[in-house]
Structures are given as C-alpha cells and as structure tokens.
PDB file of all heavy atoms in Angstrom:
ATOM      1  N   ASP A   1       4.541  70.456  -8.393  1.00  0.00           N
ATOM      2  CA  ASP A   1       5.582  70.943  -7.506  1.00  0.00           C
ATOM      3  C   ASP A   1       5.299  70.392  -6.109  1.00  0.00           C
ATOM      4  O   ASP A   1       4.263  70.696  -5.515  1.00  0.00           O
ATOM      5  CB  ASP A   1       5.575  72.474  -7.502  1.00  0.00           C
ATOM      6  CG  ASP A   1       6.701  73.051  -6.669  1.00  0.00           C
ATOM      7  OD1 ASP A   1       7.655  72.312  -6.372  1.00  0.00           O
ATOM      8  OD2 ASP A   1       6.620  74.242  -6.324  1.00  0.00           O
ATOM      9  N   THR A   2       6.203  69.593  -5.573  1.00  0.00           N
ATOM     10  CA  THR A   2       5.966  68.923  -4.290  1.00  0.00           C
ATOM     11  C   THR A   2       6.286  69.794  -3.085  1.00  0.00           C
ATOM     12  O   THR A   2       6.105  69.346  -1.955  1.00  0.00           O
ATOM     13  CB  THR A   2       6.783  67.626  -4.204  1.00  0.00           C
ATOM     14  OG1 THR A   2       8.167  67.957  -4.330  1.00  0.00           O
ATOM     15  CG2 THR A   2       6.359  66.637  -5.259  1.00  0.00           C
ATOM     16  N   THR A   3       6.739  71.024  -3.286  1.00  0.00           N
ATOM     17  CA  THR A   3       7.067  71.872  -2.143  1.00  0.00           C
ATOM     18  C   THR A   3       5.820  72.250  -1.347  1.00  0.00           C
ATOM     19  O   THR A   3       5.899  72.487  -0.141  1.00  0.00           O
ATOM     20  CB  THR A   3       7.795  73.149  -2.594  1.00  0.00           C
ATOM     21  OG1 THR A   3       6.966  73.854  -3.529  1.00  0.00           O
ATOM     22  CG2 THR A   3       9.130  72.818  -3.231  1.00  0.00           C
ATOM     23  N   GLY A   4       4.675  72.291  -1.985  1.00  0.00           N
ATOM     24  CA  GLY A   4       3.434  72.642  -1.296  1.00  0.00           C
ATOM     25  C   GLY A   4       2.979  71.586  -0.310  1.00  0.00           C
ATOM     26  O   GLY A   4       2.284  71.895   0.660  1.00  0.00           O
ATOM     27  N   ILE A   5       3.360  70.349  -0.519  1.00  0.00           N
ATOM     28  CA  ILE A   5       2.942  69.279   0.390  1.00  0.00           C
ATOM     29  C   ILE A   5       4.118  68.720   1.176  1.00  0.00           C
ATOM     30  O   ILE A   5       4.030  67.660   1.770  1.00  0.00           O
ATOM     31  CB  ILE A   5       2.250  68.140  -0.388  1.00  0.00           C
ATOM     32  CG1 ILE A   5       3.147  67.600  -1.491  1.00  0.00           C
ATOM     33  CG2 ILE A   5       0.918  68.592  -0.938  1.00  0.00           C
ATOM     34  CD1 ILE A   5       2.616  66.379  -2.162  1.00  0.00           C
ATOM     35  N   ALA A   6       5.233  69.464   1.221  1.00  0.00           N
ATOM     36  CA  ALA A   6       6.433  68.995   1.912  1.00  0.00           C
ATOM     37  C   ALA A   6       6.185  68.818   3.408  1.00  0.00           C
ATOM     38  O   ALA A   6       6.764  67.932   4.035  1.00  0.00           O
ATOM     39  CB  ALA A   6       7.590  69.958   1.686  1.00  0.00           C
ATOM     40  N   GLY A   7       5.322  69.615   4.004  1.00  0.00           N
ATOM     41  CA  GLY A   7       5.054  69.516   5.435  1.00  0.00           C
ATOM     42  C   GLY A   7       4.272  68.272   5.811  1.00  0.00           C
ATOM     43  O   GLY A   7       4.275  67.859   6.969  1.00  0.00           O
ATOM     44  N   LEU A   8       3.600  67.649   4.888  1.00  0.00           N
ATOM     45  CA  LEU A   8       2.782  66.484   5.189  1.00  0.00           C
ATOM     46  C   LEU A   8       3.553  65.168   5.081  1.00  0.00           C
ATOM     47  O   LEU A   8       3.043  64.123   5.470  1.00  0.00           O
ATOM     48  CB  LEU A   8       1.578  66.431   4.244  1.00  0.00           C
ATOM     49  CG  LEU A   8       0.593  67.584   4.329  1.00  0.00           C
ATOM     50  CD1 LEU A   8      -0.438  67.451   3.234  1.00  0.00           C
ATOM     51  CD2 LEU A   8      -0.081  67.607   5.687  1.00  0.00           C
ATOM     52  N   LYS A   9       4.752  65.190   4.555  1.00  0.00           N
ATOM     53  CA  LYS A   9       5.495  63.950   4.305  1.00  0.00           C
ATOM     54  C   LYS A   9       5.786  63.130   5.560  1.00  0.00           C
ATOM     55  O   LYS A   9       5.439  61.964   5.612  1.00  0.00           O
ATOM     56  CB  LYS A   9       6.795  64.251   3.568  1.00  0.00           C
ATOM     57  CG  LYS A   9       6.587  64.652   2.144  1.00  0.00           C
ATOM     58  CD  LYS A   9       7.909  64.925   1.504  1.00  0.00           C
ATOM     59  CE  LYS A   9       7.700  65.565   0.152  1.00  0.00           C
ATOM     60  NZ  LYS A   9       8.946  66.002  -0.433  1.00  0.00           N
ATOM     61  N   PRO A  10       6.416  63.681   6.595  1.00  0.00           N
ATOM     62  CA  PRO A  10       6.824  62.812   7.696  1.00  0.00           C
ATOM     63  C   PRO A  10       5.731  62.494   8.706  1.00  0.00           C
ATOM     64  O   PRO A  10       5.865  61.566   9.475  1.00  0.00           O
ATOM     65  CB  PRO A  10       7.952  63.610   8.374  1.00  0.00           C
ATOM     66  CG  PRO A  10       7.627  65.033   8.074  1.00  0.00           C
ATOM     67  CD  PRO A  10       6.931  65.035   6.744  1.00  0.00           C
ATOM     68  N   GLY A  11       4.665  63.226   8.716  1.00  0.00           N
ATOM     69  CA  GLY A  11       3.661  63.089   9.769  1.00  0.00           C
ATOM     70  C   GLY A  11       2.738  61.903   9.599  1.00  0.00           C
ATOM     71  O   GLY A  11       2.893  61.064   8.702  1.00  0.00           O
ATOM     72  N   PRO A  12       1.755  61.821  10.484  1.00  0.00           N
ATOM     73  CA  PRO A  12       0.812  60.697  10.450  1.00  0.00           C
ATOM     74  C   PRO A  12      -0.155  60.760   9.265  1.00  0.00           C
ATOM     75  O   PRO A  12      -0.847  59.792   8.993  1.00  0.00           O
ATOM     76  CB  PRO A  12       0.049  60.847  11.772  1.00  0.00           C
ATOM     77  CG  PRO A  12       0.140  62.291  12.093  1.00  0.00           C
ATOM     78  CD  PRO A  12       1.477  62.749  11.575  1.00  0.00           C
ATOM     79  N   LEU A  13      -0.160  61.877   8.565  1.00  0.00           N
ATOM     80  CA  LEU A  13      -1.078  62.014   7.430  1.00  0.00           C
ATOM     81  C   LEU A  13      -0.461  61.581   6.103  1.00  0.00           C
ATOM     82  O   LEU A  13      -1.064  61.757   5.056  1.00  0.00           O
ATOM     83  CB  LEU A  13      -1.546  63.466   7.304  1.00  0.00           C
ATOM     84  CG  LEU A  13      -2.344  64.014   8.484  1.00  0.00           C
ATOM     85  CD1 LEU A  13      -2.662  65.471   8.260  1.00  0.00           C
ATOM     86  CD2 LEU A  13      -3.614  63.216   8.671  1.00  0.00           C
ATOM     87  N   LYS A  14       0.740  61.013   6.165  1.00  0.00           N
ATOM     88  CA  LYS A  14       1.422  60.641   4.915  1.00  0.00           C
ATOM     89  C   LYS A  14       0.623  59.624   4.101  1.00  0.00           C
ATOM     90  O   LYS A  14       0.424  59.799   2.901  1.00  0.00           O
ATOM     91  CB  LYS A  14       2.807  60.087   5.196  1.00  0.00           C
ATOM     92  CG  LYS A  14       3.526  59.735   3.903  1.00  0.00           C
ATOM     93  CD  LYS A  14       4.894  59.176   4.146  1.00  0.00           C
ATOM     94  CE  LYS A  14       5.537  58.999   2.790  1.00  0.00           C
ATOM     95  NZ  LYS A  14       6.189  57.860   2.484  1.00  0.00           N
ATOM     96  N   SER A  15       0.139  58.582   4.749  1.00  0.00           N
ATOM     97  CA  SER A  15      -0.599  57.557   3.995  1.00  0.00           C
ATOM     98  C   SER A  15      -1.916  58.124   3.454  1.00  0.00           C
ATOM     99  O   SER A  15      -2.322  57.786   2.344  1.00  0.00           O
ATOM    100  CB  SER A  15      -0.857  56.332   4.863  1.00  0.00           C
ATOM    101  OG  SER A  15      -1.689  56.674   5.950  1.00  0.00           O
ATOM    102  N   ALA A  16      -2.551  58.985   4.211  1.00  0.00           N
ATOM    103  CA  ALA A  16      -3.794  59.600   3.731  1.00  0.00           C
ATOM    104  C   ALA A  16      -3.509  60.530   2.562  1.00  0.00           C
ATOM    105  O   ALA A  16      -4.287  60.592   1.599  1.00  0.00           O
ATOM    106  CB  ALA A  16      -4.468  60.374   4.862  1.00  0.00           C
ATOM    107  N   THR A  17      -2.379  61.241   2.612  1.00  0.00           N
ATOM    108  CA  THR A  17      -1.995  62.133   1.515  1.00  0.00           C
ATOM    109  C   THR A  17      -1.725  61.334   0.248  1.00  0.00           C
ATOM    110  O   THR A  17      -2.156  61.710  -0.843  1.00  0.00           O
ATOM    111  CB  THR A  17      -0.744  62.939   1.902  1.00  0.00           C
ATOM    112  OG1 THR A  17      -0.996  63.645   3.115  1.00  0.00           O
ATOM    113  CG2 THR A  17      -0.379  63.919   0.818  1.00  0.00           C
ATOM    114  N   VAL A  18      -1.023  60.235   0.387  1.00  0.00           N
ATOM    115  CA  VAL A  18      -0.720  59.381  -0.771  1.00  0.00           C
ATOM    116  C   VAL A  18      -2.008  58.848  -1.377  1.00  0.00           C
ATOM    117  O   VAL A  18      -2.182  58.869  -2.601  1.00  0.00           O
ATOM    118  CB  VAL A  18       0.231  58.231  -0.365  1.00  0.00           C
ATOM    119  CG1 VAL A  18       0.352  57.200  -1.475  1.00  0.00           C
ATOM    120  CG2 VAL A  18       1.593  58.778  -0.006  1.00  0.00           C
ATOM    121  N   ARG A  19      -2.935  58.378  -0.544  1.00  0.00           N
ATOM    122  CA  ARG A  19      -4.215  57.876  -1.068  1.00  0.00           C
ATOM    123  C   ARG A  19      -4.994  58.977  -1.773  1.00  0.00           C
ATOM    124  O   ARG A  19      -5.579  58.755  -2.836  1.00  0.00           O
ATOM    125  CB  ARG A  19      -5.043  57.282   0.067  1.00  0.00           C
ATOM    126  CG  ARG A  19      -4.621  55.901   0.474  1.00  0.00           C
ATOM    127  CD  ARG A  19      -5.664  55.191   1.332  1.00  0.00           C
ATOM    128  NE  ARG A  19      -6.250  56.004   2.382  1.00  0.00           N
ATOM    129  CZ  ARG A  19      -5.773  56.126   3.615  1.00  0.00           C
ATOM    130  NH1 ARG A  19      -4.683  55.464   3.953  1.00  0.00           N
ATOM    131  NH2 ARG A  19      -6.372  56.878   4.514  1.00  0.00           N
ATOM    132  N   ALA A  20      -5.014  60.172  -1.175  1.00  0.00           N
ATOM    133  CA  ALA A  20      -5.750  61.286  -1.776  1.00  0.00           C
ATOM    134  C   ALA A  20      -5.135  61.688  -3.109  1.00  0.00           C
ATOM    135  O   ALA A  20      -5.852  61.978  -4.071  1.00  0.00           O
ATOM    136  CB  ALA A  20      -5.768  62.474  -0.820  1.00  0.00           C
ATOM    137  N   LEU A  21      -3.800  61.699  -3.181  1.00  0.00           N
ATOM    138  CA  LEU A  21      -3.131  62.050  -4.438  1.00  0.00           C
ATOM    139  C   LEU A  21      -3.400  61.002  -5.514  1.00  0.00           C
ATOM    140  O   LEU A  21      -3.637  61.336  -6.676  1.00  0.00           O
ATOM    141  CB  LEU A  21      -1.626  62.199  -4.212  1.00  0.00           C
ATOM    142  CG  LEU A  21      -1.192  63.428  -3.426  1.00  0.00           C
ATOM    143  CD1 LEU A  21       0.296  63.371  -3.137  1.00  0.00           C
ATOM    144  CD2 LEU A  21      -1.538  64.696  -4.189  1.00  0.00           C
ATOM    145  N   ARG A  22      -3.352  59.728  -5.128  1.00  0.00           N
ATOM    146  CA  ARG A  22      -3.647  58.663  -6.100  1.00  0.00           C
ATOM    147  C   ARG A  22      -5.062  58.797  -6.649  1.00  0.00           C
ATOM    148  O   ARG A  22      -5.295  58.669  -7.845  1.00  0.00           O
ATOM    149  CB  ARG A  22      -3.495  57.292  -5.453  1.00  0.00           C
ATOM    150  CG  ARG A  22      -2.096  56.808  -5.345  1.00  0.00           C
ATOM    151  CD  ARG A  22      -2.127  55.388  -4.763  1.00  0.00           C
ATOM    152  NE  ARG A  22      -0.799  54.893  -4.581  1.00  0.00           N
ATOM    153  CZ  ARG A  22      -0.072  54.351  -5.561  1.00  0.00           C
ATOM    154  NH1 ARG A  22      -0.563  54.251  -6.751  1.00  0.00           N
ATOM    155  NH2 ARG A  22       1.142  53.924  -5.319  1.00  0.00           N
ATOM    156  N   LYS A  23      -6.015  59.032  -5.755  1.00  0.00           N
ATOM    157  CA  LYS A  23      -7.409  59.138  -6.171  1.00  0.00           C
ATOM    158  C   LYS A  23      -7.628  60.363  -7.056  1.00  0.00           C
ATOM    159  O   LYS A  23      -8.318  60.291  -8.079  1.00  0.00           O
ATOM    160  CB  LYS A  23      -8.318  59.197  -4.946  1.00  0.00           C
ATOM    161  CG  LYS A  23      -9.770  59.214  -5.307  1.00  0.00           C
ATOM    162  CD  LYS A  23     -10.635  58.976  -4.108  1.00  0.00           C
ATOM    163  CE  LYS A  23     -12.061  59.152  -4.546  1.00  0.00           C
ATOM    164  NZ  LYS A  23     -12.951  58.166  -4.171  1.00  0.00           N
ATOM    165  N   ALA A  24      -7.027  61.494  -6.681  1.00  0.00           N
ATOM    166  CA  ALA A  24      -7.178  62.714  -7.473  1.00  0.00           C
ATOM    167  C   ALA A  24      -6.554  62.542  -8.861  1.00  0.00           C
ATOM    168  O   ALA A  24      -7.127  62.959  -9.875  1.00  0.00           O
ATOM    169  CB  ALA A  24      -6.543  63.894  -6.750  1.00  0.00           C
ATOM    170  N   GLY A  25      -5.378  61.913  -8.903  1.00  0.00           N
ATOM    171  CA  GLY A  25      -4.723  61.691 -10.197  1.00  0.00           C
ATOM    172  C   GLY A  25      -5.509  60.740 -11.083  1.00  0.00           C
ATOM    173  O   GLY A  25      -5.648  60.964 -12.292  1.00  0.00           O
ATOM    174  N   ALA A  26      -6.055  59.674 -10.495  1.00  0.00           N
ATOM    175  CA  ALA A  26      -6.842  58.710 -11.273  1.00  0.00           C
ATOM    176  C   ALA A  26      -8.116  59.362 -11.813  1.00  0.00           C
ATOM    177  O   ALA A  26      -8.513  59.112 -12.957  1.00  0.00           O
ATOM    178  CB  ALA A  26      -7.191  57.501 -10.413  1.00  0.00           C
ATOM    179  N   THR A  27      -8.733  60.207 -10.992  1.00  0.00           N
ATOM    180  CA  THR A  27      -9.939  60.906 -11.447  1.00  0.00           C
ATOM    181  C   THR A  27      -9.609  61.861 -12.588  1.00  0.00           C
ATOM    182  O   THR A  27     -10.345  61.944 -13.578  1.00  0.00           O
ATOM    183  CB  THR A  27     -10.568  61.681 -10.273  1.00  0.00           C
ATOM    184  OG1 THR A  27     -10.883  60.759  -9.237  1.00  0.00           O
ATOM    185  CG2 THR A  27     -11.821  62.402 -10.707  1.00  0.00           C
ATOM    186  N   ALA A  28      -8.492  62.574 -12.479  1.00  0.00           N
ATOM    187  CA  ALA A  28      -8.081  63.496 -13.541  1.00  0.00           C
ATOM    188  C   ALA A  28      -7.801  62.745 -14.837  1.00  0.00           C
ATOM    189  O   ALA A  28      -8.214  63.184 -15.922  1.00  0.00           O
ATOM    190  CB  ALA A  28      -6.855  64.288 -13.104  1.00  0.00           C
TER     191      ALA A  28
END
C-alpha cells in the first residue's frame, strides 16, 4: 500500500526512497 510513503514522493528524499525500496525488495 503506497499511502504510507505518499509524503516522501515529491521531496528531496524521493531518489533515496526508491533506492531503499529496490534494495529491500531485492533482499526479500
């Protein structure tokens, strides 16, 4: 559910969030 991370989308942390999600998904 992407509503939990909706606040992080437009800000400066977007690229860091995408990298963290990719890494977490790959590890899982």
